[in-house]
């Protein structure tokens, strides 16, 4: 029984601490997704530069 308990506690410790939150993952993608950073064009808060516009039902968005 002690072996099962030790194995259970060990496995929880392995899987619990290694995952990052969705917010951390989003920040990492925004700052450097595969070598091309979004913040180089859009700025640190995402409000600096608009790269293009799209037409949807005749309305420029």
Protein backbone atom coordinates (compact mmCIF):
# COMPACT_ATOMS: atom_id res chain seq x y z
CA UNK A 1 0.00 0.00 0.00
CA UNK A 2 2.86 2.38 0.78
CA UNK A 3 4.34 1.76 -2.66
CA UNK A 4 1.06 2.67 -4.36
CA UNK A 5 0.76 5.84 -2.29
CA UNK A 6 4.34 6.86 -3.04
CA UNK A 7 3.84 6.20 -6.74
CA UNK A 8 0.64 8.26 -6.74
CA UNK A 9 2.27 11.22 -4.98
CA UNK A 10 5.29 11.04 -7.27
CA UNK A 11 3.14 10.99 -10.41
CA UNK A 12 1.09 14.00 -9.24
CA UNK A 13 4.31 15.91 -8.67
CA UNK A 14 5.56 15.09 -12.17
CA UNK A 15 2.46 16.28 -14.00
CA UNK A 16 1.43 19.20 -11.80
CA UNK A 17 4.33 21.63 -12.01
CA UNK A 18 5.35 21.47 -15.66
CA UNK A 19 2.31 22.93 -17.36
CA UNK A 20 2.01 26.63 -18.11
CA UNK A 21 -1.18 28.62 -17.97
CA UNK A 22 -3.07 29.81 -21.04
CA UNK A 23 -2.04 33.39 -20.27
CA UNK A 24 1.65 32.45 -20.12
CA UNK A 25 1.37 30.53 -23.38
CA UNK A 26 -0.40 33.43 -25.10
CA UNK A 27 2.26 35.88 -23.94
CA UNK A 28 5.02 33.60 -25.24
CA UNK A 29 3.32 33.31 -28.63
CA UNK A 30 2.79 37.08 -28.86
CA UNK A 31 6.39 37.87 -28.01
CA UNK A 32 8.12 35.29 -30.19
CA UNK A 33 6.06 32.81 -32.24
CA UNK A 34 8.54 30.78 -34.25
CA UNK A 35 10.99 33.65 -34.65
CA UNK A 36 8.52 36.27 -35.93
CA UNK A 37 7.31 38.50 -33.14
CA UNK A 38 3.86 40.12 -33.24
CA UNK A 39 5.04 42.88 -30.94
CA UNK A 40 7.60 44.13 -33.49
CA UNK A 41 4.76 45.52 -35.63
CA UNK A 42 1.88 45.80 -33.16
CA UNK A 43 3.80 47.00 -30.10
CA UNK A 44 3.90 45.63 -26.60
CA UNK A 45 0.18 46.16 -25.97
CA UNK A 46 -1.06 45.50 -29.51
CA UNK A 47 -2.22 49.01 -30.34
CA UNK A 48 0.57 50.58 -32.41
CA UNK A 49 0.26 49.64 -36.07
CA UNK A 50 -2.52 48.26 -38.26
CA UNK A 51 -1.06 46.13 -41.04
CA UNK A 52 -4.09 45.92 -43.28
CA UNK A 53 -7.83 46.25 -43.72
CA UNK A 54 -10.37 43.74 -44.93
CA UNK A 55 -13.65 44.17 -46.78
CA UNK A 56 -16.61 42.27 -45.34
CA UNK A 57 -19.98 42.76 -47.04
CA UNK A 58 -18.70 46.00 -48.58
CA UNK A 59 -17.63 47.42 -45.22
CA UNK A 60 -13.97 48.16 -44.51
CA UNK A 61 -12.92 46.60 -41.21
